[in-house]
Amino acid sequence: MSTHSLDLTLVGWIATPVRHYPGTDGGTPYTSFRLASTRRWFDREQGCGRTAGPSGSPSSASAAPP
């Protein structure tokens, strides 16, 4: 029998109460919540991080990561 795991980092604002479900009767335990975040990505052409504005289009740039 193998065990699989996943480590995931989320950055944002938790928008609902966090609910933990223990996975009774052999079920898989899990946690449920809603997450809000600002759309961001690394712009390879500009060499910097970008943040989407209210319309979803790029609105600002930040320095490239070290």
PDB file of N, CA and C in Angstrom:
ATOM      1  N   MET A   1       0.847  -1.179   0.000  1.00  0.00           N
ATOM      2  CA  MET A   1       0.000   0.000   0.000  1.00  0.00           C
ATOM      3  C   MET A   1       0.893   1.243   0.000  1.00  0.00           C
ATOM      4  N   SER A   2       0.595   2.184  -0.853  1.00  0.00           N
ATOM      5  CA  SER A   2       1.388   3.407  -0.910  1.00  0.00           C
ATOM      6  C   SER A   2       0.603   4.575  -0.324  1.00  0.00           C
ATOM      7  N   THR A   3       1.341   5.568   0.119  1.00  0.00           N
ATOM      8  CA  THR A   3       0.727   6.770   0.664  1.00  0.00           C
ATOM      9  C   THR A   3       1.120   7.947  -0.213  1.00  0.00           C
ATOM     10  N   HIS A   4       0.157   8.724  -0.629  1.00  0.00           N
ATOM     11  CA  HIS A   4       0.412   9.909  -1.437  1.00  0.00           C
ATOM     12  C   HIS A   4       0.112  11.134  -0.599  1.00  0.00           C
ATOM     13  N   SER A   5       0.919  12.153  -0.751  1.00  0.00           N
ATOM     14  CA  SER A   5       0.653  13.397  -0.039  1.00  0.00           C
ATOM     15  C   SER A   5       0.898  14.566  -0.977  1.00  0.00           C
ATOM     16  N   LEU A   6       0.332  15.699  -0.622  1.00  0.00           N
ATOM     17  CA  LEU A   6       0.478  16.906  -1.418  1.00  0.00           C
ATOM     18  C   LEU A   6       0.691  18.075  -0.478  1.00  0.00           C
ATOM     19  N   ASP A   7       1.754  18.822  -0.705  1.00  0.00           N
ATOM     20  CA  ASP A   7       1.992  20.060   0.034  1.00  0.00           C
ATOM     21  C   ASP A   7       1.675  21.196  -0.914  1.00  0.00           C
ATOM     22  N   LEU A   8       0.808  22.088  -0.478  1.00  0.00           N
ATOM     23  CA  LEU A   8       0.348  23.176  -1.323  1.00  0.00           C
ATOM     24  C   LEU A   8       0.365  24.467  -0.523  1.00  0.00           C
ATOM     25  N   THR A   9       0.925  25.529  -1.098  1.00  0.00           N
ATOM     26  CA  THR A   9       0.954  26.835  -0.453  1.00  0.00           C
ATOM     27  C   THR A   9      -0.023  27.753  -1.180  1.00  0.00           C
ATOM     28  N   LEU A  10      -0.944  28.333  -0.438  1.00  0.00           N
ATOM     29  CA  LEU A  10      -1.922  29.267  -0.985  1.00  0.00           C
ATOM     30  C   LEU A  10      -1.703  30.623  -0.344  1.00  0.00           C
ATOM     31  N   VAL A  11      -1.819  31.676  -1.138  1.00  0.00           N
ATOM     32  CA  VAL A  11      -1.678  33.034  -0.626  1.00  0.00           C
ATOM     33  C   VAL A  11      -2.958  33.781  -0.960  1.00  0.00           C
ATOM     34  N   GLY A  12      -3.604  34.342   0.047  1.00  0.00           N
ATOM     35  CA  GLY A  12      -4.837  35.071  -0.184  1.00  0.00           C
ATOM     36  C   GLY A  12      -5.569  35.314   1.121  1.00  0.00           C
ATOM     37  N   TRP A  13      -6.856  35.527   0.999  1.00  0.00           N
ATOM     38  CA  TRP A  13      -7.710  35.811   2.142  1.00  0.00           C
ATOM     39  C   TRP A  13      -8.733  34.706   2.277  1.00  0.00           C
ATOM     40  N   ILE A  14      -8.834  34.121   3.473  1.00  0.00           N
ATOM     41  CA  ILE A  14      -9.840  33.091   3.708  1.00  0.00           C
ATOM     42  C   ILE A  14     -11.180  33.793   3.842  1.00  0.00           C
ATOM     43  N   ALA A  15     -12.129  33.404   2.980  1.00  0.00           N
ATOM     44  CA  ALA A  15     -13.392  34.123   2.862  1.00  0.00           C
ATOM     45  C   ALA A  15     -14.544  33.453   3.607  1.00  0.00           C
ATOM     46  N   THR A  16     -14.356  32.250   4.091  1.00  0.00           N
ATOM     47  CA  THR A  16     -15.401  31.544   4.833  1.00  0.00           C
ATOM     48  C   THR A  16     -14.764  30.856   6.033  1.00  0.00           C
ATOM     49  N   PRO A  17     -15.576  30.434   6.984  1.00  0.00           N
ATOM     50  CA  PRO A  17     -15.006  29.668   8.096  1.00  0.00           C
ATOM     51  C   PRO A  17     -14.339  28.386   7.577  1.00  0.00           C
ATOM     52  N   VAL A  18     -13.229  28.017   8.205  1.00  0.00           N
ATOM     53  CA  VAL A  18     -12.526  26.785   7.836  1.00  0.00           C
ATOM     54  C   VAL A  18     -13.236  25.618   8.517  1.00  0.00           C
ATOM     55  N   ARG A  19     -13.597  24.612   7.724  1.00  0.00           N
ATOM     56  CA  ARG A  19     -14.283  23.425   8.254  1.00  0.00           C
ATOM     57  C   ARG A  19     -13.395  22.203   8.030  1.00  0.00           C
ATOM     58  N   HIS A  20     -13.167  21.452   9.096  1.00  0.00           N
ATOM     59  CA  HIS A  20     -12.359  20.231   9.028  1.00  0.00           C
ATOM     60  C   HIS A  20     -13.290  19.028   9.067  1.00  0.00           C
ATOM     61  N   TYR A  21     -13.094  18.105   8.145  1.00  0.00           N
ATOM     62  CA  TYR A  21     -13.875  16.874   8.094  1.00  0.00           C
ATOM     63  C   TYR A  21     -12.914  15.717   8.357  1.00  0.00           C
ATOM     64  N   PRO A  22     -13.136  14.950   9.433  1.00  0.00           N
ATOM     65  CA  PRO A  22     -12.151  13.948   9.852  1.00  0.00           C
ATOM     66  C   PRO A  22     -12.077  12.691   8.983  1.00  0.00           C
ATOM     67  N   GLY A  23     -13.009  12.452   8.110  1.00  0.00           N
ATOM     68  CA  GLY A  23     -12.960  11.253   7.274  1.00  0.00           C
ATOM     69  C   GLY A  23     -13.334  10.008   8.044  1.00  0.00           C
ATOM     70  N   THR A  24     -14.497  10.000   8.630  1.00  0.00           N
ATOM     71  CA  THR A  24     -14.952   8.858   9.423  1.00  0.00           C
ATOM     72  C   THR A  24     -15.260   7.651   8.545  1.00  0.00           C
ATOM     73  N   ASP A  25     -15.299   6.486   9.137  1.00  0.00           N
ATOM     74  CA  ASP A  25     -15.602   5.210   8.461  1.00  0.00           C
ATOM     75  C   ASP A  25     -14.679   4.945   7.279  1.00  0.00           C
ATOM     76  N   GLY A  26     -13.384   5.231   7.444  1.00  0.00           N
ATOM     77  CA  GLY A  26     -12.408   4.943   6.399  1.00  0.00           C
ATOM     78  C   GLY A  26     -12.316   5.988   5.304  1.00  0.00           C
ATOM     79  N   GLY A  27     -13.081   7.061   5.409  1.00  0.00           N
ATOM     80  CA  GLY A  27     -13.038   8.114   4.394  1.00  0.00           C
ATOM     81  C   GLY A  27     -11.786   8.972   4.522  1.00  0.00           C
ATOM     82  N   THR A  28     -11.501   9.733   3.509  1.00  0.00           N
ATOM     83  CA  THR A  28     -10.332  10.607   3.499  1.00  0.00           C
ATOM     84  C   THR A  28     -10.648  11.919   4.218  1.00  0.00           C
ATOM     85  N   PRO A  29      -9.834  12.308   5.197  1.00  0.00           N
ATOM     86  CA  PRO A  29     -10.062  13.591   5.864  1.00  0.00           C
ATOM     87  C   PRO A  29      -9.744  14.753   4.919  1.00  0.00           C
ATOM     88  N   TYR A  30     -10.471  15.862   5.072  1.00  0.00           N
ATOM     89  CA  TYR A  30     -10.204  17.042   4.247  1.00  0.00           C
ATOM     90  C   TYR A  30     -10.667  18.292   4.970  1.00  0.00           C
ATOM     91  N   THR A  31     -10.232  19.435   4.446  1.00  0.00           N
ATOM     92  CA  THR A  31     -10.591  20.745   4.984  1.00  0.00           C
ATOM     93  C   THR A  31     -11.238  21.544   3.869  1.00  0.00           C
ATOM     94  N   SER A  32     -12.245  22.348   4.213  1.00  0.00           N
ATOM     95  CA  SER A  32     -12.981  23.115   3.215  1.00  0.00           C
ATOM     96  C   SER A  32     -13.025  24.590   3.608  1.00  0.00           C
ATOM     97  N   PHE A  33     -12.761  25.470   2.624  1.00  0.00           N
ATOM     98  CA  PHE A  33     -12.881  26.913   2.813  1.00  0.00           C
ATOM     99  C   PHE A  33     -12.838  27.578   1.449  1.00  0.00           C
ATOM    100  N   ARG A  34     -13.269  28.828   1.374  1.00  0.00           N
ATOM    101  CA  ARG A  34     -13.165  29.622   0.142  1.00  0.00           C
ATOM    102  C   ARG A  34     -12.010  30.588   0.288  1.00  0.00           C
ATOM    103  N   LEU A  35     -11.279  30.786  -0.803  1.00  0.00           N
ATOM    104  CA  LEU A  35     -10.096  31.630  -0.792  1.00  0.00           C
ATOM    105  C   LEU A  35     -10.234  32.719  -1.848  1.00  0.00           C
ATOM    106  N   ALA A  36      -9.932  33.945  -1.470  1.00  0.00           N
ATOM    107  CA  ALA A  36      -9.929  35.069  -2.413  1.00  0.00           C
ATOM    108  C   ALA A  36      -8.483  35.506  -2.610  1.00  0.00           C
ATOM    109  N   SER A  37      -8.144  35.891  -3.839  1.00  0.00           N
ATOM    110  CA  SER A  37      -6.787  36.362  -4.108  1.00  0.00           C
ATOM    111  C   SER A  37      -6.788  37.311  -5.297  1.00  0.00           C
ATOM    112  N   THR A  38      -5.710  38.047  -5.439  1.00  0.00           N
ATOM    113  CA  THR A  38      -5.518  38.926  -6.572  1.00  0.00           C
ATOM    114  C   THR A  38      -4.762  38.151  -7.641  1.00  0.00           C
ATOM    115  N   ARG A  39      -5.183  38.275  -8.894  1.00  0.00           N
ATOM    116  CA  ARG A  39      -4.522  37.561  -9.977  1.00  0.00           C
ATOM    117  C   ARG A  39      -3.122  38.128 -10.188  1.00  0.00           C
ATOM    118  N   ARG A  40      -2.101  37.253 -10.073  1.00  0.00           N
ATOM    119  CA  ARG A  40      -0.711  37.666 -10.269  1.00  0.00           C
ATOM    120  C   ARG A  40       0.000  36.639 -11.121  1.00  0.00           C
ATOM    121  N   TRP A  41       1.003  37.079 -11.862  1.00  0.00           N
ATOM    122  CA  TRP A  41       1.819  36.181 -12.664  1.00  0.00           C
ATOM    123  C   TRP A  41       3.153  36.839 -12.949  1.00  0.00           C
ATOM    124  N   PHE A  42       4.125  36.033 -13.381  1.00  0.00           N
ATOM    125  CA  PHE A  42       5.432  36.565 -13.744  1.00  0.00           C
ATOM    126  C   PHE A  42       5.432  36.807 -15.244  1.00  0.00           C
ATOM    127  N   ASP A  43       5.677  38.047 -15.651  1.00  0.00           N
ATOM    128  CA  ASP A  43       5.705  38.441 -17.052  1.00  0.00           C
ATOM    129  C   ASP A  43       7.135  38.253 -17.563  1.00  0.00           C
ATOM    130  N   ARG A  44       7.356  37.209 -18.351  1.00  0.00           N
ATOM    131  CA  ARG A  44       8.706  36.919 -18.830  1.00  0.00           C
ATOM    132  C   ARG A  44       9.227  37.992 -19.775  1.00  0.00           C
ATOM    133  N   GLU A  45       8.363  38.584 -20.574  1.00  0.00           N
ATOM    134  CA  GLU A  45       8.795  39.639 -21.500  1.00  0.00           C
ATOM    135  C   GLU A  45       9.299  40.870 -20.753  1.00  0.00           C
ATOM    136  N   GLN A  46       8.599  41.254 -19.696  1.00  0.00           N
ATOM    137  CA  GLN A  46       8.978  42.435 -18.914  1.00  0.00           C
ATOM    138  C   GLN A  46       9.995  42.102 -17.821  1.00  0.00           C
ATOM    139  N   GLY A  47      10.089  40.808 -17.455  1.00  0.00           N
ATOM    140  CA  GLY A  47      11.019  40.392 -16.409  1.00  0.00           C
ATOM    141  C   GLY A  47      10.594  40.808 -15.021  1.00  0.00           C
ATOM    142  N   CYS A  48       9.262  40.893 -14.793  1.00  0.00           N
ATOM    143  CA  CYS A  48       8.777  41.312 -13.479  1.00  0.00           C
ATOM    144  C   CYS A  48       7.423  40.667 -13.179  1.00  0.00           C
ATOM    145  N   GLY A  49       7.011  40.760 -11.921  1.00  0.00           N
ATOM    146  CA  GLY A  49       5.701  40.285 -11.521  1.00  0.00           C
ATOM    147  C   GLY A  49       4.626  41.265 -11.940  1.00  0.00           C
ATOM    148  N   ARG A  50       3.456  40.758 -12.324  1.00  0.00           N
ATOM    149  CA  ARG A  50       2.335  41.604 -12.752  1.00  0.00           C
ATOM    150  C   ARG A  50       1.124  41.302 -11.886  1.00  0.00           C
ATOM    151  N   THR A  51       0.292  42.313 -11.673  1.00  0.00           N
ATOM    152  CA  THR A  51      -0.949  42.175 -10.924  1.00  0.00           C
ATOM    153  C   THR A  51      -2.084  42.671 -11.801  1.00  0.00           C
ATOM    154  N   ALA A  52      -3.175  41.911 -11.869  1.00  0.00           N
ATOM    155  CA  ALA A  52      -4.310  42.304 -12.694  1.00  0.00           C
ATOM    156  C   ALA A  52      -5.083  43.427 -12.020  1.00  0.00           C
ATOM    157  N   GLY A  53      -5.568  44.377 -12.819  1.00  0.00           N
ATOM    158  CA  GLY A  53      -6.400  45.466 -12.322  1.00  0.00           C
ATOM    159  C   GLY A  53      -7.845  45.018 -12.223  1.00  0.00           C
ATOM    160  N   PRO A  54      -8.744  45.921 -11.889  1.00  0.00           N
ATOM    161  CA  PRO A  54     -10.169  45.584 -11.734  1.00  0.00           C
ATOM    162  C   PRO A  54     -10.789  44.979 -12.987  1.00  0.00           C
ATOM    163  N   SER A  55     -10.286  45.341 -14.177  1.00  0.00           N
ATOM    164  CA  SER A  55     -10.846  44.798 -15.405  1.00  0.00           C
ATOM    165  C   SER A  55     -10.208  43.482 -15.795  1.00  0.00           C
ATOM    166  N   GLY A  56      -9.193  43.042 -15.039  1.00  0.00           N
ATOM    167  CA  GLY A  56      -8.501  41.810 -15.367  1.00  0.00           C
ATOM    168  C   GLY A  56      -7.264  42.024 -16.209  1.00  0.00           C
ATOM    169  N   SER A  57      -7.045  43.257 -16.667  1.00  0.00           N
ATOM    170  CA  SER A  57      -5.852  43.543 -17.482  1.00  0.00           C
ATOM    171  C   SER A  57      -4.696  43.929 -16.558  1.00  0.00           C
ATOM    172  N   PRO A  58      -3.460  43.769 -17.023  1.00  0.00           N
ATOM    173  CA  PRO A  58      -2.307  44.131 -16.185  1.00  0.00           C
ATOM    174  C   PRO A  58      -2.344  45.601 -15.812  1.00  0.00           C
ATOM    175  N   SER A  59      -2.093  45.896 -14.525  1.00  0.00           N
ATOM    176  CA  SER A  59      -2.156  47.290 -14.099  1.00  0.00           C
ATOM    177  C   SER A  59      -0.872  47.781 -13.453  1.00  0.00           C
ATOM    178  N   SER A  60      -0.048  46.880 -12.946  1.00  0.00           N
ATOM    179  CA  SER A  60       1.185  47.328 -12.297  1.00  0.00           C
ATOM    180  C   SER A  60       2.234  46.243 -12.392  1.00  0.00           C
ATOM    181  N   ALA A  61       3.451  46.632 -12.142  1.00  0.00           N
ATOM    182  CA  ALA A  61       4.562  45.681 -12.173  1.00  0.00           C
ATOM    183  C   ALA A  61       5.352  45.795 -10.888  1.00  0.00           C
ATOM    184  N   SER A  62       5.973  44.718 -10.495  1.00  0.00           N
ATOM    185  CA  SER A  62       6.845  44.737  -9.329  1.00  0.00           C
ATOM    186  C   SER A  62       8.193  44.191  -9.737  1.00  0.00           C
ATOM    187  N   ALA A  63       9.188  44.407  -8.916  1.00  0.00           N
ATOM    188  CA  ALA A  63      10.545  43.976  -9.245  1.00  0.00           C
ATOM    189  C   ALA A  63      10.612  42.472  -9.428  1.00  0.00           C
ATOM    190  N   ALA A  64      11.527  42.048 -10.274  1.00  0.00           N
ATOM    191  CA  ALA A  64      11.740  40.634 -10.498  1.00  0.00           C
ATOM    192  C   ALA A  64      12.250  39.988  -9.217  1.00  0.00           C
ATOM    193  N   PRO A  65      11.888  38.732  -8.980  1.00  0.00           N
ATOM    194  CA  PRO A  65      12.375  38.060  -7.776  1.00  0.00           C
ATOM    195  C   PRO A  65      13.888  37.899  -7.827  1.00  0.00           C
ATOM    196  N   PRO A  66      14.550  37.900  -6.650  1.00  0.00           N
ATOM    197  CA  PRO A  66      16.025  37.796  -6.618  1.00  0.00           C
ATOM    198  C   PRO A  66      16.508  36.470  -7.147  1.00  0.00           C
TER     199      PRO A  66
END
